[in-house]
């Protein structure tokens, strides 16, 4: 699957509260019904979620257009 086959899940980033030390799986394919997080819908796509551990408790903006250059964080790509 190419980057062009990724589904856009939204036009704006998702504001998310992360908890320090918790593990998260950001949906990279755009198919998850639990955006911006993975629900396993990527199976068979050749794409895997971006798994990360929150370094601190904070509010972040996670990409939903799936075009970010800084996954899972939004870099403004949705506005281009």
PDB file of N, CA and C in Angstrom:
ATOM      1  N   UNK A   1       0.842  -1.173   0.000  1.00  0.00           N
ATOM      2  CA  UNK A   1       0.000   0.000   0.000  1.00  0.00           C
ATOM      3  C   UNK A   1       0.887   1.235   0.000  1.00  0.00           C
ATOM      4  N   UNK A   2       0.591   2.186  -0.835  1.00  0.00           N
ATOM      5  CA  UNK A   2       1.380   3.405  -0.904  1.00  0.00           C
ATOM      6  C   UNK A   2       0.776   4.475   0.002  1.00  0.00           C
ATOM      7  N   UNK A   3       1.565   5.523   0.233  1.00  0.00           N
ATOM      8  CA  UNK A   3       1.104   6.640   1.049  1.00  0.00           C
ATOM      9  C   UNK A   3      -0.167   7.235   0.459  1.00  0.00           C
ATOM     10  N   UNK A   4      -0.324   7.172  -0.856  1.00  0.00           N
ATOM     11  CA  UNK A   4      -1.500   7.712  -1.527  1.00  0.00           C
ATOM     12  C   UNK A   4      -2.759   6.915  -1.190  1.00  0.00           C
ATOM     13  N   UNK A   5      -2.615   5.661  -0.750  1.00  0.00           N
ATOM     14  CA  UNK A   5      -3.756   4.822  -0.407  1.00  0.00           C
ATOM     15  C   UNK A   5      -4.251   5.025   1.019  1.00  0.00           C
ATOM     16  N   UNK A   6      -3.549   5.832   1.795  1.00  0.00           N
ATOM     17  CA  UNK A   6      -3.947   6.106   3.170  1.00  0.00           C
ATOM     18  C   UNK A   6      -5.229   6.929   3.149  1.00  0.00           C
ATOM     19  N   UNK A   7      -6.177   6.568   4.002  1.00  0.00           N
ATOM     20  CA  UNK A   7      -7.437   7.298   4.060  1.00  0.00           C
ATOM     21  C   UNK A   7      -7.328   8.474   5.011  1.00  0.00           C
ATOM     22  N   UNK A   8      -7.813   9.594   4.580  1.00  0.00           N
ATOM     23  CA  UNK A   8      -7.855  10.794   5.423  1.00  0.00           C
ATOM     24  C   UNK A   8      -8.982  10.593   6.434  1.00  0.00           C
ATOM     25  N   UNK A   9      -8.672  10.642   7.723  1.00  0.00           N
ATOM     26  CA  UNK A   9      -9.676  10.417   8.764  1.00  0.00           C
ATOM     27  C   UNK A   9     -10.350  11.709   9.202  1.00  0.00           C
ATOM     28  N   UNK A  10      -9.735  12.836   8.916  1.00  0.00           N
ATOM     29  CA  UNK A  10     -10.292  14.116   9.307  1.00  0.00           C
ATOM     30  C   UNK A  10      -9.510  15.257   8.716  1.00  0.00           C
ATOM     31  N   UNK A  11     -10.106  16.432   8.750  1.00  0.00           N
ATOM     32  CA  UNK A  11      -9.460  17.615   8.185  1.00  0.00           C
ATOM     33  C   UNK A  11      -8.729  18.449   9.219  1.00  0.00           C
ATOM     34  N   UNK A  12      -8.947  18.124  10.489  1.00  0.00           N
ATOM     35  CA  UNK A  12      -8.300  18.850  11.579  1.00  0.00           C
ATOM     36  C   UNK A  12      -7.677  17.858  12.540  1.00  0.00           C
ATOM     37  N   UNK A  13      -6.651  18.275  13.292  1.00  0.00           N
ATOM     38  CA  UNK A  13      -6.047  17.360  14.258  1.00  0.00           C
ATOM     39  C   UNK A  13      -7.001  17.085  15.417  1.00  0.00           C
ATOM     40  N   UNK A  14      -6.738  15.998  16.121  1.00  0.00           N
ATOM     41  CA  UNK A  14      -7.510  15.623  17.300  1.00  0.00           C
ATOM     42  C   UNK A  14      -6.774  16.083  18.548  1.00  0.00           C
ATOM     43  N   UNK A  15      -7.461  16.836  19.403  1.00  0.00           N
ATOM     44  CA  UNK A  15      -6.882  17.274  20.673  1.00  0.00           C
ATOM     45  C   UNK A  15      -7.013  16.112  21.653  1.00  0.00           C
ATOM     46  N   UNK A  16      -5.880  15.646  22.172  1.00  0.00           N
ATOM     47  CA  UNK A  16      -5.855  14.441  23.003  1.00  0.00           C
ATOM     48  C   UNK A  16      -5.042  14.709  24.271  1.00  0.00           C
ATOM     49  N   UNK A  17      -5.562  14.242  25.396  1.00  0.00           N
ATOM     50  CA  UNK A  17      -4.833  14.303  26.657  1.00  0.00           C
ATOM     51  C   UNK A  17      -4.084  12.995  26.836  1.00  0.00           C
ATOM     52  N   UNK A  18      -2.758  13.072  26.902  1.00  0.00           N
ATOM     53  CA  UNK A  18      -1.921  11.895  27.107  1.00  0.00           C
ATOM     54  C   UNK A  18      -1.503  11.815  28.570  1.00  0.00           C
ATOM     55  N   UNK A  19      -1.285  10.595  29.035  1.00  0.00           N
ATOM     56  CA  UNK A  19      -0.846  10.359  30.405  1.00  0.00           C
ATOM     57  C   UNK A  19       0.574   9.799  30.385  1.00  0.00           C
ATOM     58  N   UNK A  20       1.456  10.428  31.142  1.00  0.00           N
ATOM     59  CA  UNK A  20       2.851  10.012  31.205  1.00  0.00           C
ATOM     60  C   UNK A  20       2.966   8.507  31.466  1.00  0.00           C
ATOM     61  N   UNK A  21       3.802   7.845  30.648  1.00  0.00           N
ATOM     62  CA  UNK A  21       4.069   6.424  30.809  1.00  0.00           C
ATOM     63  C   UNK A  21       3.080   5.502  30.124  1.00  0.00           C
ATOM     64  N   UNK A  22       1.957   6.033  29.639  1.00  0.00           N
ATOM     65  CA  UNK A  22       0.963   5.210  28.939  1.00  0.00           C
ATOM     66  C   UNK A  22       1.403   4.971  27.493  1.00  0.00           C
ATOM     67  N   UNK A  23       1.062   3.802  26.977  1.00  0.00           N
ATOM     68  CA  UNK A  23       1.364   3.446  25.594  1.00  0.00           C
ATOM     69  C   UNK A  23       0.132   3.693  24.730  1.00  0.00           C
ATOM     70  N   UNK A  24       0.348   4.300  23.566  1.00  0.00           N
ATOM     71  CA  UNK A  24      -0.730   4.633  22.634  1.00  0.00           C
ATOM     72  C   UNK A  24      -0.377   4.098  21.254  1.00  0.00           C
ATOM     73  N   UNK A  25      -1.384   3.807  20.465  1.00  0.00           N
ATOM     74  CA  UNK A  25      -1.199   3.374  19.084  1.00  0.00           C
ATOM     75  C   UNK A  25      -1.962   4.311  18.165  1.00  0.00           C
ATOM     76  N   UNK A  26      -1.241   5.182  17.462  1.00  0.00           N
ATOM     77  CA  UNK A  26      -1.848   6.145  16.547  1.00  0.00           C
ATOM     78  C   UNK A  26      -2.151   5.476  15.217  1.00  0.00           C
ATOM     79  N   UNK A  27      -3.367   5.630  14.730  1.00  0.00           N
ATOM     80  CA  UNK A  27      -3.787   5.062  13.446  1.00  0.00           C
ATOM     81  C   UNK A  27      -3.043   5.758  12.307  1.00  0.00           C
ATOM     82  N   UNK A  28      -2.323   4.978  11.512  1.00  0.00           N
ATOM     83  CA  UNK A  28      -1.575   5.524  10.379  1.00  0.00           C
ATOM     84  C   UNK A  28      -2.297   5.311   9.050  1.00  0.00           C
ATOM     85  N   UNK A  29      -3.323   4.450   9.050  1.00  0.00           N
ATOM     86  CA  UNK A  29      -3.989   4.118   7.786  1.00  0.00           C
ATOM     87  C   UNK A  29      -5.253   4.922   7.533  1.00  0.00           C
ATOM     88  N   UNK A  30      -5.841   5.490   8.593  1.00  0.00           N
ATOM     89  CA  UNK A  30      -7.055   6.283   8.447  1.00  0.00           C
ATOM     90  C   UNK A  30      -8.337   5.482   8.513  1.00  0.00           C
ATOM     91  N   UNK A  31      -8.256   4.172   8.710  1.00  0.00           N
ATOM     92  CA  UNK A  31      -9.445   3.315   8.690  1.00  0.00           C
ATOM     93  C   UNK A  31     -10.091   3.100  10.064  1.00  0.00           C
ATOM     94  N   UNK A  32      -9.390   3.392  11.128  1.00  0.00           N
ATOM     95  CA  UNK A  32      -9.879   3.117  12.476  1.00  0.00           C
ATOM     96  C   UNK A  32     -11.159   3.884  12.796  1.00  0.00           C
ATOM     97  N   UNK A  33     -12.074   3.228  13.497  1.00  0.00           N
ATOM     98  CA  UNK A  33     -13.292   3.893  13.947  1.00  0.00           C
ATOM     99  C   UNK A  33     -13.061   4.577  15.293  1.00  0.00           C
ATOM    100  N   UNK A  34     -11.836   4.449  15.831  1.00  0.00           N
ATOM    101  CA  UNK A  34     -11.487   5.060  17.118  1.00  0.00           C
ATOM    102  C   UNK A  34     -10.458   6.166  16.929  1.00  0.00           C
ATOM    103  N   UNK A  35     -10.535   6.903  15.845  1.00  0.00           N
ATOM    104  CA  UNK A  35      -9.576   7.965  15.540  1.00  0.00           C
ATOM    105  C   UNK A  35      -9.358   8.871  16.731  1.00  0.00           C
ATOM    106  N   UNK A  36      -8.121   9.276  16.938  1.00  0.00           N
ATOM    107  CA  UNK A  36      -6.944   9.074  16.107  1.00  0.00           C
ATOM    108  C   UNK A  36      -6.176   7.807  16.460  1.00  0.00           C
ATOM    109  N   UNK A  37      -6.800   6.942  17.263  1.00  0.00           N
ATOM    110  CA  UNK A  37      -6.111   5.738  17.718  1.00  0.00           C
ATOM    111  C   UNK A  37      -6.478   4.513  16.883  1.00  0.00           C
ATOM    112  N   UNK A  38      -5.609   3.525  16.901  1.00  0.00           N
ATOM    113  CA  UNK A  38      -5.763   2.299  16.131  1.00  0.00           C
ATOM    114  C   UNK A  38      -6.808   1.381  16.750  1.00  0.00           C
ATOM    115  N   UNK A  39      -7.628   0.752  15.898  1.00  0.00           N
ATOM    116  CA  UNK A  39      -8.566  -0.280  16.345  1.00  0.00           C
ATOM    117  C   UNK A  39      -8.323  -1.612  15.636  1.00  0.00           C
ATOM    118  N   UNK A  40      -7.198  -1.704  14.908  1.00  0.00           N
ATOM    119  CA  UNK A  40      -6.850  -2.933  14.197  1.00  0.00           C
ATOM    120  C   UNK A  40      -7.341  -2.982  12.758  1.00  0.00           C
ATOM    121  N   UNK A  41      -8.000  -1.925  12.287  1.00  0.00           N
ATOM    122  CA  UNK A  41      -8.548  -1.907  10.919  1.00  0.00           C
ATOM    123  C   UNK A  41      -7.477  -1.915   9.839  1.00  0.00           C
ATOM    124  N   UNK A  42      -6.224  -1.726  10.207  1.00  0.00           N
ATOM    125  CA  UNK A  42      -5.122  -1.696   9.233  1.00  0.00           C
ATOM    126  C   UNK A  42      -4.746  -3.088   8.734  1.00  0.00           C
ATOM    127  N   UNK A  43      -5.269  -4.132   9.350  1.00  0.00           N
ATOM    128  CA  UNK A  43      -4.898  -5.499   8.972  1.00  0.00           C
ATOM    129  C   UNK A  43      -5.029  -5.690   7.460  1.00  0.00           C
ATOM    130  N   UNK A  44      -3.966  -6.162   6.844  1.00  0.00           N
ATOM    131  CA  UNK A  44      -3.949  -6.415   5.412  1.00  0.00           C
ATOM    132  C   UNK A  44      -3.591  -5.218   4.561  1.00  0.00           C
ATOM    133  N   UNK A  45      -3.351  -4.057   5.169  1.00  0.00           N
ATOM    134  CA  UNK A  45      -3.038  -2.856   4.391  1.00  0.00           C
ATOM    135  C   UNK A  45      -1.544  -2.676   4.159  1.00  0.00           C
ATOM    136  N   UNK A  46      -0.729  -3.356   4.954  1.00  0.00           N
ATOM    137  CA  UNK A  46       0.708  -3.145   4.870  1.00  0.00           C
ATOM    138  C   UNK A  46       1.166  -1.973   5.722  1.00  0.00           C
ATOM    139  N   UNK A  47       0.239  -1.333   6.403  1.00  0.00           N
ATOM    140  CA  UNK A  47       0.558  -0.223   7.299  1.00  0.00           C
ATOM    141  C   UNK A  47       0.389  -0.673   8.736  1.00  0.00           C
ATOM    142  N   UNK A  48       1.205  -0.125   9.614  1.00  0.00           N
ATOM    143  CA  UNK A  48       1.113  -0.423  11.032  1.00  0.00           C
ATOM    144  C   UNK A  48       0.895   0.869  11.795  1.00  0.00           C
ATOM    145  N   UNK A  49       0.260   0.782  12.955  1.00  0.00           N
ATOM    146  CA  UNK A  49       0.100   1.993  13.760  1.00  0.00           C
ATOM    147  C   UNK A  49       1.444   2.467  14.291  1.00  0.00           C
ATOM    148  N   UNK A  50       1.494   3.722  14.664  1.00  0.00           N
ATOM    149  CA  UNK A  50       2.670   4.281  15.319  1.00  0.00           C
ATOM    150  C   UNK A  50       2.442   4.120  16.816  1.00  0.00           C
ATOM    151  N   UNK A  51       3.208   3.245  17.433  1.00  0.00           N
ATOM    152  CA  UNK A  51       3.079   2.990  18.859  1.00  0.00           C
ATOM    153  C   UNK A  51       4.090   3.869  19.593  1.00  0.00           C
ATOM    154  N   UNK A  52       3.607   4.579  20.624  1.00  0.00           N
ATOM    155  CA  UNK A  52       4.491   5.469  21.373  1.00  0.00           C
ATOM    156  C   UNK A  52       4.077   5.508  22.839  1.00  0.00           C
ATOM    157  N   UNK A  53       5.030   5.869  23.680  1.00  0.00           N
ATOM    158  CA  UNK A  53       4.796   6.033  25.111  1.00  0.00           C
ATOM    159  C   UNK A  53       4.861   7.528  25.408  1.00  0.00           C
ATOM    160  N   UNK A  54       3.841   8.033  26.093  1.00  0.00           N
ATOM    161  CA  UNK A  54       3.816   9.460  26.449  1.00  0.00           C
ATOM    162  C   UNK A  54       4.949   9.771  27.423  1.00  0.00           C
ATOM    163  N   UNK A  55       5.766  10.734  27.080  1.00  0.00           N
ATOM    164  CA  UNK A  55       6.901  11.120  27.926  1.00  0.00           C
ATOM    165  C   UNK A  55       6.468  11.935  29.131  1.00  0.00           C
ATOM    166  N   UNK A  56       5.305  12.599  28.982  1.00  0.00           N
ATOM    167  CA  UNK A  56       4.759  13.369  30.093  1.00  0.00           C
ATOM    168  C   UNK A  56       3.254  13.502  29.906  1.00  0.00           C
ATOM    169  N   UNK A  57       2.570  13.861  30.974  1.00  0.00           N
ATOM    170  CA  UNK A  57       1.140  14.109  30.894  1.00  0.00           C
ATOM    171  C   UNK A  57       0.958  15.476  30.254  1.00  0.00           C
ATOM    172  N   UNK A  58       0.269  15.492  29.119  1.00  0.00           N
ATOM    173  CA  UNK A  58       0.091  16.743  28.383  1.00  0.00           C
ATOM    174  C   UNK A  58      -1.023  16.606  27.354  1.00  0.00           C
ATOM    175  N   UNK A  59      -1.457  17.735  26.850  1.00  0.00           N
ATOM    176  CA  UNK A  59      -2.425  17.772  25.760  1.00  0.00           C
ATOM    177  C   UNK A  59      -1.649  17.985  24.466  1.00  0.00           C
ATOM    178  N   UNK A  60      -1.936  17.142  23.470  1.00  0.00           N
ATOM    179  CA  UNK A  60      -1.265  17.235  22.170  1.00  0.00           C
ATOM    180  C   UNK A  60      -2.316  17.224  21.065  1.00  0.00           C
ATOM    181  N   UNK A  61      -1.887  17.526  19.863  1.00  0.00           N
ATOM    182  CA  UNK A  61      -2.755  17.473  18.692  1.00  0.00           C
ATOM    183  C   UNK A  61      -2.223  16.390  17.765  1.00  0.00           C
ATOM    184  N   UNK A  62      -2.997  15.308  17.628  1.00  0.00           N
ATOM    185  CA  UNK A  62      -2.598  14.180  16.792  1.00  0.00           C
ATOM    186  C   UNK A  62      -3.206  14.329  15.408  1.00  0.00           C
ATOM    187  N   UNK A  63      -2.408  14.019  14.410  1.00  0.00           N
ATOM    188  CA  UNK A  63      -2.800  14.133  13.009  1.00  0.00           C
ATOM    189  C   UNK A  63      -3.963  13.201  12.684  1.00  0.00           C
ATOM    190  N   UNK A  64      -4.904  13.716  11.908  1.00  0.00           N
ATOM    191  CA  UNK A  64      -5.987  12.881  11.391  1.00  0.00           C
ATOM    192  C   UNK A  64      -6.005  12.858   9.860  1.00  0.00           C
ATOM    193  N   UNK A  65      -5.253  13.768   9.216  1.00  0.00           N
ATOM    194  CA  UNK A  65      -5.206  13.749   7.745  1.00  0.00           C
ATOM    195  C   UNK A  65      -4.233  12.686   7.243  1.00  0.00           C
ATOM    196  N   UNK A  66      -3.389  12.186   8.161  1.00  0.00           N
ATOM    197  CA  UNK A  66      -2.427  11.113   7.903  1.00  0.00           C
ATOM    198  C   UNK A  66      -1.317  11.515   6.932  1.00  0.00           C
ATOM    199  N   UNK A  67      -1.118  12.817   6.738  1.00  0.00           N
ATOM    200  CA  UNK A  67      -0.073  13.311   5.847  1.00  0.00           C
ATOM    201  C   UNK A  67       1.078  13.975   6.605  1.00  0.00           C
ATOM    202  N   UNK A  68       1.020  13.975   7.929  1.00  0.00           N
ATOM    203  CA  UNK A  68       2.033  14.648   8.734  1.00  0.00           C
ATOM    204  C   UNK A  68       3.433  14.092   8.490  1.00  0.00           C
ATOM    205  N   UNK A  69       4.395  14.949   8.591  1.00  0.00           N
ATOM    206  CA  UNK A  69       5.791  14.529   8.506  1.00  0.00           C
ATOM    207  C   UNK A  69       6.361  14.209   9.879  1.00  0.00           C
ATOM    208  N   UNK A  70       5.539  14.397  10.919  1.00  0.00           N
ATOM    209  CA  UNK A  70       5.980  14.177  12.296  1.00  0.00           C
ATOM    210  C   UNK A  70       4.990  13.276  13.049  1.00  0.00           C
ATOM    211  N   UNK A  71       4.687  12.089  12.494  1.00  0.00           N
ATOM    212  CA  UNK A  71       3.681  11.229  13.127  1.00  0.00           C
ATOM    213  C   UNK A  71       4.061  10.853  14.553  1.00  0.00           C
ATOM    214  N   UNK A  72       3.139  10.849  15.451  1.00  0.00           N
ATOM    215  CA  UNK A  72       1.698  11.024  15.283  1.00  0.00           C
ATOM    216  C   UNK A  72       1.228  12.470  15.403  1.00  0.00           C
ATOM    217  N   UNK A  73       2.158  13.393  15.634  1.00  0.00           N
ATOM    218  CA  UNK A  73       1.774  14.782  15.876  1.00  0.00           C
ATOM    219  C   UNK A  73       1.424  15.525  14.594  1.00  0.00           C
ATOM    220  N   UNK A  74       0.448  16.406  14.711  1.00  0.00           N
ATOM    221  CA  UNK A  74       0.060  17.249  13.588  1.00  0.00           C
ATOM    222  C   UNK A  74       1.161  18.249  13.288  1.00  0.00           C
ATOM    223  N   UNK A  75       1.468  18.431  12.008  1.00  0.00           N
ATOM    224  CA  UNK A  75       2.460  19.436  11.601  1.00  0.00           C
ATOM    225  C   UNK A  75       1.844  20.483  10.670  1.00  0.00           C
ATOM    226  N   UNK A  76       0.513  20.491  10.580  1.00  0.00           N
ATOM    227  CA  UNK A  76      -0.173  21.471   9.730  1.00  0.00           C
ATOM    228  C   UNK A  76      -0.386  21.006   8.306  1.00  0.00           C
ATOM    229  N   UNK A  77      -0.018  19.785   7.983  1.00  0.00           N
ATOM    230  CA  UNK A  77      -0.160  19.285   6.613  1.00  0.00           C
ATOM    231  C   UNK A  77      -1.600  19.313   6.118  1.00  0.00           C
ATOM    232  N   UNK A  78      -2.568  19.232   7.036  1.00  0.00           N
ATOM    233  CA  UNK A  78      -3.982  19.237   6.647  1.00  0.00           C
ATOM    234  C   UNK A  78      -4.392  20.537   5.966  1.00  0.00           C
ATOM    235  N   UNK A  79      -3.638  21.603   6.160  1.00  0.00           N
ATOM    236  CA  UNK A  79      -3.994  22.893   5.575  1.00  0.00           C
ATOM    237  C   UNK A  79      -3.362  23.126   4.205  1.00  0.00           C
ATOM    238  N   UNK A  80      -2.625  22.143   3.714  1.00  0.00           N
ATOM    239  CA  UNK A  80      -1.964  22.299   2.406  1.00  0.00           C
ATOM    240  C   UNK A  80      -2.746  21.623   1.305  1.00  0.00           C
TER     241      UNK A  80
END
